[in-house]
Amino acid sequence: MRFARLIVSALLLTGAALAQALEVKPYSAAALAQAQQADKPVALHFHADWCPTCRAQDKALQTLVDEKGLDLTVLKVDYDNEKELKRQFKVNAQSTLIVLRGNKESARLVGDTSKLNIMNALKSAL
């Protein structure tokens, strides 16, 4: 009986971990290519450490990590160093969030720090 409870607890914890689907991680070309090839939702957050708006967006994104149903990855792009990626996506300002499903853009926010607006933009690719 004790073993059965242990197994059930482990399954519940695993399910809870899987439910936490929003992942924020550093940008890599490989991660973006993998998501696009699999036609999975992915967001690019063009971020600069010196930007207060970017930091506010980071806080909003972190509050969404536990939000159920946000099964996607946010790739944090270094605005100052990823010049070719900025050209590719026509990004002219830090604090730009681009949401993609495969190669198709479903939402774009620039300078928006509203948790609700960010969540709705992320959901646009689901």
N, C-alpha and C. Protein backbone atom coordinates (compact mmCIF):
# COMPACT_ATOMS: atom_id res chain seq x y z
N MET A 1 0.83 -1.20 0.00
CA MET A 1 0.00 0.00 0.00
C MET A 1 0.87 1.27 0.00
N ARG A 2 1.93 1.22 0.79
CA ARG A 2 2.82 2.37 0.86
C ARG A 2 3.50 2.61 -0.51
N PHE A 3 3.89 1.53 -1.17
CA PHE A 3 4.51 1.62 -2.49
C PHE A 3 3.54 2.23 -3.50
N ALA A 4 2.28 1.82 -3.43
CA ALA A 4 1.26 2.35 -4.35
C ALA A 4 1.10 3.85 -4.14
N ARG A 5 1.08 4.30 -2.90
CA ARG A 5 0.98 5.74 -2.62
C ARG A 5 2.19 6.49 -3.17
N LEU A 6 3.35 5.89 -3.03
CA LEU A 6 4.57 6.50 -3.55
C LEU A 6 4.51 6.64 -5.06
N ILE A 7 4.03 5.61 -5.74
CA ILE A 7 3.89 5.65 -7.21
C ILE A 7 2.88 6.72 -7.62
N VAL A 8 1.75 6.78 -6.94
CA VAL A 8 0.73 7.78 -7.26
C VAL A 8 1.28 9.19 -7.04
N SER A 9 1.99 9.39 -5.95
CA SER A 9 2.59 10.70 -5.67
C SER A 9 3.58 11.09 -6.76
N ALA A 10 4.40 10.14 -7.18
CA ALA A 10 5.38 10.42 -8.24
C ALA A 10 4.69 10.78 -9.54
N LEU A 11 3.62 10.08 -9.87
CA LEU A 11 2.87 10.38 -11.10
C LEU A 11 2.23 11.76 -11.03
N LEU A 12 1.70 12.12 -9.87
CA LEU A 12 1.09 13.44 -9.71
C LEU A 12 2.13 14.54 -9.85
N LEU A 13 3.30 14.33 -9.26
CA LEU A 13 4.36 15.33 -9.38
C LEU A 13 4.85 15.44 -10.82
N THR A 14 4.94 14.32 -11.52
CA THR A 14 5.34 14.35 -12.93
C THR A 14 4.31 15.10 -13.76
N GLY A 15 3.04 14.84 -13.51
CA GLY A 15 1.98 15.54 -14.23
C GLY A 15 2.01 17.02 -13.96
N ALA A 16 2.27 17.41 -12.72
CA ALA A 16 2.36 18.83 -12.38
C ALA A 16 3.53 19.48 -13.09
N ALA A 17 4.64 18.76 -13.19
CA ALA A 17 5.81 19.31 -13.88
C ALA A 17 5.52 19.48 -15.37
N LEU A 18 4.80 18.53 -15.96
CA LEU A 18 4.46 18.64 -17.37
C LEU A 18 3.46 19.75 -17.63
N ALA A 19 2.59 20.05 -16.66
CA ALA A 19 1.60 21.10 -16.83
C ALA A 19 2.26 22.47 -16.90
N GLN A 20 3.43 22.60 -16.29
CA GLN A 20 4.16 23.85 -16.31
C GLN A 20 4.89 23.95 -17.64
N ALA A 21 4.17 24.37 -18.66
CA ALA A 21 4.67 24.23 -20.01
C ALA A 21 5.44 25.45 -20.53
N LEU A 22 5.18 26.65 -20.00
CA LEU A 22 5.90 27.81 -20.49
C LEU A 22 7.34 27.74 -20.00
N GLU A 23 8.25 27.80 -20.95
CA GLU A 23 9.66 27.74 -20.62
C GLU A 23 10.34 28.98 -21.19
N VAL A 24 11.13 29.65 -20.37
CA VAL A 24 11.90 30.81 -20.82
C VAL A 24 13.36 30.41 -20.75
N LYS A 25 14.04 30.49 -21.90
CA LYS A 25 15.45 30.11 -21.93
C LYS A 25 16.20 30.98 -22.93
N PRO A 26 17.52 30.98 -22.85
CA PRO A 26 18.32 31.80 -23.78
C PRO A 26 18.12 31.35 -25.23
N TYR A 27 18.19 32.31 -26.13
CA TYR A 27 18.06 32.03 -27.56
C TYR A 27 19.24 31.21 -28.06
N SER A 28 18.91 30.28 -28.94
CA SER A 28 19.93 29.61 -29.76
C SER A 28 19.28 29.36 -31.11
N ALA A 29 20.08 29.45 -32.14
CA ALA A 29 19.56 29.21 -33.48
C ALA A 29 19.01 27.79 -33.59
N ALA A 30 19.64 26.85 -32.92
CA ALA A 30 19.19 25.46 -32.97
C ALA A 30 17.81 25.30 -32.33
N ALA A 31 17.59 25.96 -31.19
CA ALA A 31 16.30 25.86 -30.51
C ALA A 31 15.19 26.45 -31.37
N LEU A 32 15.47 27.58 -32.01
CA LEU A 32 14.47 28.21 -32.88
C LEU A 32 14.19 27.31 -34.09
N ALA A 33 15.23 26.80 -34.72
CA ALA A 33 15.06 25.93 -35.89
C ALA A 33 14.28 24.68 -35.54
N GLN A 34 14.57 24.10 -34.40
CA GLN A 34 13.87 22.89 -33.97
C GLN A 34 12.38 23.16 -33.76
N ALA A 35 12.05 24.25 -33.10
CA ALA A 35 10.64 24.59 -32.88
C ALA A 35 9.94 24.87 -34.20
N GLN A 36 10.59 25.60 -35.08
CA GLN A 36 9.97 25.93 -36.36
C GLN A 36 9.77 24.69 -37.23
N GLN A 37 10.75 23.82 -37.27
CA GLN A 37 10.62 22.61 -38.08
C GLN A 37 9.52 21.68 -37.56
N ALA A 38 9.32 21.70 -36.23
CA ALA A 38 8.28 20.86 -35.63
C ALA A 38 6.92 21.56 -35.61
N ASP A 39 6.87 22.78 -36.17
CA ASP A 39 5.64 23.58 -36.18
C ASP A 39 5.10 23.81 -34.77
N LYS A 40 6.02 24.02 -33.82
CA LYS A 40 5.64 24.28 -32.43
C LYS A 40 5.64 25.77 -32.18
N PRO A 41 4.82 26.21 -31.24
CA PRO A 41 4.81 27.63 -30.90
C PRO A 41 6.09 28.02 -30.16
N VAL A 42 6.63 29.14 -30.54
CA VAL A 42 7.84 29.67 -29.91
C VAL A 42 7.77 31.19 -29.97
N ALA A 43 8.33 31.84 -28.95
CA ALA A 43 8.36 33.31 -28.94
C ALA A 43 9.81 33.77 -28.83
N LEU A 44 10.10 34.86 -29.50
CA LEU A 44 11.40 35.50 -29.42
C LEU A 44 11.23 36.79 -28.62
N HIS A 45 11.95 36.90 -27.52
CA HIS A 45 11.91 38.12 -26.71
C HIS A 45 13.24 38.83 -26.91
N PHE A 46 13.22 39.89 -27.73
CA PHE A 46 14.42 40.67 -27.98
C PHE A 46 14.66 41.55 -26.77
N HIS A 47 15.67 41.21 -26.01
CA HIS A 47 15.88 41.72 -24.66
C HIS A 47 17.26 42.37 -24.54
N ALA A 48 17.32 43.44 -23.77
CA ALA A 48 18.60 44.05 -23.42
C ALA A 48 18.64 44.20 -21.90
N ASP A 49 19.73 43.80 -21.29
CA ASP A 49 19.84 43.86 -19.83
C ASP A 49 19.70 45.29 -19.30
N TRP A 50 20.09 46.28 -20.09
CA TRP A 50 20.04 47.67 -19.67
C TRP A 50 18.65 48.29 -19.82
N CYS A 51 17.71 47.56 -20.38
CA CYS A 51 16.39 48.08 -20.71
C CYS A 51 15.37 47.82 -19.58
N PRO A 52 14.84 48.87 -18.94
CA PRO A 52 13.86 48.66 -17.87
C PRO A 52 12.56 48.02 -18.37
N THR A 53 12.16 48.32 -19.59
CA THR A 53 10.94 47.71 -20.15
C THR A 53 11.15 46.22 -20.34
N CYS A 54 12.33 45.83 -20.79
CA CYS A 54 12.65 44.41 -20.97
C CYS A 54 12.59 43.68 -19.62
N ARG A 55 13.11 44.31 -18.58
CA ARG A 55 13.08 43.70 -17.25
C ARG A 55 11.65 43.54 -16.77
N ALA A 56 10.79 44.51 -17.06
CA ALA A 56 9.38 44.41 -16.68
C ALA A 56 8.71 43.27 -17.46
N GLN A 57 9.06 43.12 -18.73
CA GLN A 57 8.52 42.01 -19.52
C GLN A 57 8.99 40.67 -18.95
N ASP A 58 10.25 40.61 -18.53
CA ASP A 58 10.77 39.39 -17.90
C ASP A 58 9.93 39.01 -16.69
N LYS A 59 9.61 39.99 -15.86
CA LYS A 59 8.79 39.73 -14.67
C LYS A 59 7.42 39.19 -15.06
N ALA A 60 6.82 39.79 -16.07
CA ALA A 60 5.50 39.33 -16.54
C ALA A 60 5.60 37.89 -17.05
N LEU A 61 6.64 37.59 -17.81
CA LEU A 61 6.83 36.24 -18.33
C LEU A 61 7.02 35.23 -17.20
N GLN A 62 7.77 35.62 -16.18
CA GLN A 62 8.00 34.70 -15.06
C GLN A 62 6.71 34.41 -14.31
N THR A 63 5.79 35.37 -14.25
CA THR A 63 4.50 35.10 -13.59
C THR A 63 3.64 34.16 -14.42
N LEU A 64 3.95 34.02 -15.70
CA LEU A 64 3.17 33.15 -16.58
C LEU A 64 3.71 31.72 -16.65
N VAL A 65 4.85 31.47 -16.04
CA VAL A 65 5.46 30.14 -16.10
C VAL A 65 4.52 29.08 -15.54
N ASP A 66 3.75 29.40 -14.53
CA ASP A 66 2.83 28.44 -13.92
C ASP A 66 1.45 28.44 -14.56
N GLU A 67 1.24 29.25 -15.57
CA GLU A 67 -0.06 29.36 -16.23
C GLU A 67 -0.33 28.10 -17.05
N LYS A 68 -1.43 27.44 -16.75
CA LYS A 68 -1.77 26.21 -17.47
C LYS A 68 -2.16 26.54 -18.91
N GLY A 69 -1.77 25.65 -19.81
CA GLY A 69 -2.17 25.81 -21.20
C GLY A 69 -1.22 26.62 -22.06
N LEU A 70 -0.15 27.15 -21.49
CA LEU A 70 0.83 27.90 -22.28
C LEU A 70 1.99 26.97 -22.65
N ASP A 71 1.72 26.09 -23.58
CA ASP A 71 2.69 25.09 -23.98
C ASP A 71 3.59 25.64 -25.08
N LEU A 72 4.56 26.46 -24.68
CA LEU A 72 5.49 27.03 -25.64
C LEU A 72 6.77 27.46 -24.96
N THR A 73 7.75 27.81 -25.76
CA THR A 73 9.05 28.26 -25.27
C THR A 73 9.27 29.70 -25.68
N VAL A 74 9.76 30.50 -24.75
CA VAL A 74 10.17 31.88 -25.03
C VAL A 74 11.69 31.87 -25.07
N LEU A 75 12.24 32.26 -26.20
CA LEU A 75 13.68 32.36 -26.36
C LEU A 75 14.10 33.81 -26.15
N LYS A 76 14.95 34.02 -25.18
CA LYS A 76 15.41 35.36 -24.82
C LYS A 76 16.61 35.72 -25.71
N VAL A 77 16.39 36.67 -26.61
CA VAL A 77 17.39 37.05 -27.61
C VAL A 77 18.15 38.28 -27.12
N ASP A 78 19.47 38.23 -27.20
CA ASP A 78 20.31 39.37 -26.83
C ASP A 78 20.19 40.44 -27.91
N TYR A 79 19.47 41.50 -27.61
CA TYR A 79 19.18 42.55 -28.59
C TYR A 79 20.47 43.18 -29.14
N ASP A 80 21.45 43.34 -28.29
CA ASP A 80 22.67 44.04 -28.71
C ASP A 80 23.58 43.19 -29.59
N ASN A 81 23.48 41.87 -29.52
CA ASN A 81 24.42 41.01 -30.24
C ASN A 81 23.83 40.24 -31.41
N GLU A 82 22.55 40.02 -31.43
CA GLU A 82 21.92 39.21 -32.50
C GLU A 82 21.43 40.09 -33.65
N LYS A 83 22.37 40.76 -34.30
CA LYS A 83 22.03 41.74 -35.35
C LYS A 83 21.36 41.08 -36.57
N GLU A 84 21.84 39.93 -36.99
CA GLU A 84 21.26 39.26 -38.16
C GLU A 84 19.83 38.82 -37.87
N LEU A 85 19.58 38.31 -36.68
CA LEU A 85 18.23 37.89 -36.31
C LEU A 85 17.29 39.10 -36.25
N LYS A 86 17.80 40.23 -35.76
CA LYS A 86 17.00 41.47 -35.76
C LYS A 86 16.62 41.87 -37.17
N ARG A 87 17.56 41.78 -38.10
CA ARG A 87 17.27 42.10 -39.51
C ARG A 87 16.24 41.13 -40.08
N GLN A 88 16.42 39.85 -39.80
CA GLN A 88 15.53 38.83 -40.32
C GLN A 88 14.08 39.06 -39.89
N PHE A 89 13.89 39.46 -38.64
CA PHE A 89 12.54 39.67 -38.12
C PHE A 89 12.11 41.14 -38.10
N LYS A 90 12.94 42.00 -38.69
CA LYS A 90 12.62 43.43 -38.79
C LYS A 90 12.32 44.03 -37.42
N VAL A 91 13.24 43.78 -36.49
CA VAL A 91 13.11 44.30 -35.13
C VAL A 91 13.92 45.58 -35.03
N ASN A 92 13.24 46.65 -34.61
CA ASN A 92 13.89 47.96 -34.51
C ASN A 92 14.03 48.45 -33.08
N ALA A 93 13.49 47.71 -32.13
CA ALA A 93 13.55 48.16 -30.73
C ALA A 93 13.68 46.95 -29.81
N GLN A 94 14.48 47.14 -28.76
CA GLN A 94 14.50 46.12 -27.72
C GLN A 94 13.10 46.07 -27.11
N SER A 95 12.85 45.10 -26.30
CA SER A 95 11.53 44.87 -25.69
C SER A 95 10.48 44.46 -26.73
N THR A 96 10.95 43.81 -27.80
CA THR A 96 10.05 43.29 -28.82
C THR A 96 9.83 41.80 -28.56
N LEU A 97 8.57 41.40 -28.57
CA LEU A 97 8.19 40.00 -28.40
C LEU A 97 7.49 39.55 -29.67
N ILE A 98 8.05 38.54 -30.33
CA ILE A 98 7.48 38.00 -31.55
C ILE A 98 7.07 36.56 -31.28
N VAL A 99 5.81 36.25 -31.54
CA VAL A 99 5.29 34.91 -31.30
C VAL A 99 5.11 34.22 -32.65
N LEU A 100 5.64 33.00 -32.74
CA LEU A 100 5.61 32.25 -33.99
C LEU A 100 4.98 30.89 -33.80
N ARG A 101 4.36 30.41 -34.85
CA ARG A 101 3.95 29.01 -34.96
C ARG A 101 4.59 28.52 -36.23
N GLY A 102 5.63 27.71 -36.11
CA GLY A 102 6.41 27.35 -37.27
C GLY A 102 7.10 28.60 -37.79
N ASN A 103 6.89 28.91 -39.06
CA ASN A 103 7.48 30.12 -39.66
C ASN A 103 6.51 31.29 -39.70
N LYS A 104 5.29 31.09 -39.21
CA LYS A 104 4.26 32.11 -39.30
C LYS A 104 4.19 32.93 -38.01
N GLU A 105 4.28 34.24 -38.16
CA GLU A 105 4.16 35.15 -37.02
C GLU A 105 2.69 35.28 -36.65
N SER A 106 2.38 35.05 -35.37
CA SER A 106 0.99 35.17 -34.92
C SER A 106 0.76 36.40 -34.05
N ALA A 107 1.82 36.98 -33.50
CA ALA A 107 1.67 38.19 -32.67
C ALA A 107 3.02 38.88 -32.54
N ARG A 108 2.94 40.19 -32.32
CA ARG A 108 4.14 41.01 -32.09
C ARG A 108 3.76 42.11 -31.11
N LEU A 109 4.55 42.24 -30.06
CA LEU A 109 4.38 43.32 -29.09
C LEU A 109 5.70 44.07 -28.99
N VAL A 110 5.61 45.38 -28.89
CA VAL A 110 6.81 46.20 -28.71
C VAL A 110 6.57 47.09 -27.49
N GLY A 111 7.38 46.89 -26.46
CA GLY A 111 7.31 47.73 -25.27
C GLY A 111 6.12 47.46 -24.37
N ASP A 112 5.39 46.40 -24.61
CA ASP A 112 4.20 46.10 -23.82
C ASP A 112 4.61 45.26 -22.60
N THR A 113 4.24 45.72 -21.41
CA THR A 113 4.59 45.01 -20.18
C THR A 113 3.36 44.41 -19.49
N SER A 114 2.20 44.52 -20.11
CA SER A 114 0.97 43.99 -19.52
C SER A 114 0.99 42.46 -19.55
N LYS A 115 0.83 41.86 -18.38
CA LYS A 115 0.79 40.40 -18.29
C LYS A 115 -0.31 39.83 -19.17
N LEU A 116 -1.47 40.46 -19.16
CA LEU A 116 -2.60 39.99 -19.97
C LEU A 116 -2.29 40.06 -21.46
N ASN A 117 -1.74 41.17 -21.91
CA ASN A 117 -1.40 41.31 -23.33
C ASN A 117 -0.33 40.31 -23.76
N ILE A 118 0.67 40.10 -22.90
CA ILE A 118 1.72 39.14 -23.20
C ILE A 118 1.14 37.73 -23.26
N MET A 119 0.28 37.39 -22.29
CA MET A 119 -0.34 36.07 -22.28
C MET A 119 -1.19 35.87 -23.54
N ASN A 120 -1.97 36.85 -23.92
CA ASN A 120 -2.79 36.73 -25.13
C ASN A 120 -1.94 36.58 -26.38
N ALA A 121 -0.84 37.30 -26.44
CA ALA A 121 0.07 37.17 -27.58
C ALA A 121 0.65 35.76 -27.63
N LEU A 122 1.06 35.23 -26.50
CA LEU A 122 1.61 33.87 -26.47
C LEU A 122 0.56 32.85 -26.88
N LYS A 123 -0.66 33.04 -26.42
CA LYS A 123 -1.74 32.10 -26.74
C LYS A 123 -2.11 32.12 -28.23
N SER A 124 -1.76 33.20 -28.92
CA SER A 124 -2.11 33.31 -30.34
C SER A 124 -1.48 32.23 -31.20
N ALA A 125 -0.41 31.61 -30.71
CA ALA A 125 0.27 30.57 -31.49
C ALA A 125 -0.16 29.16 -31.11
N LEU A 126 -1.02 29.06 -30.12
CA LEU A 126 -1.44 27.71 -29.65
C LEU A 126 -2.56 27.15 -30.48
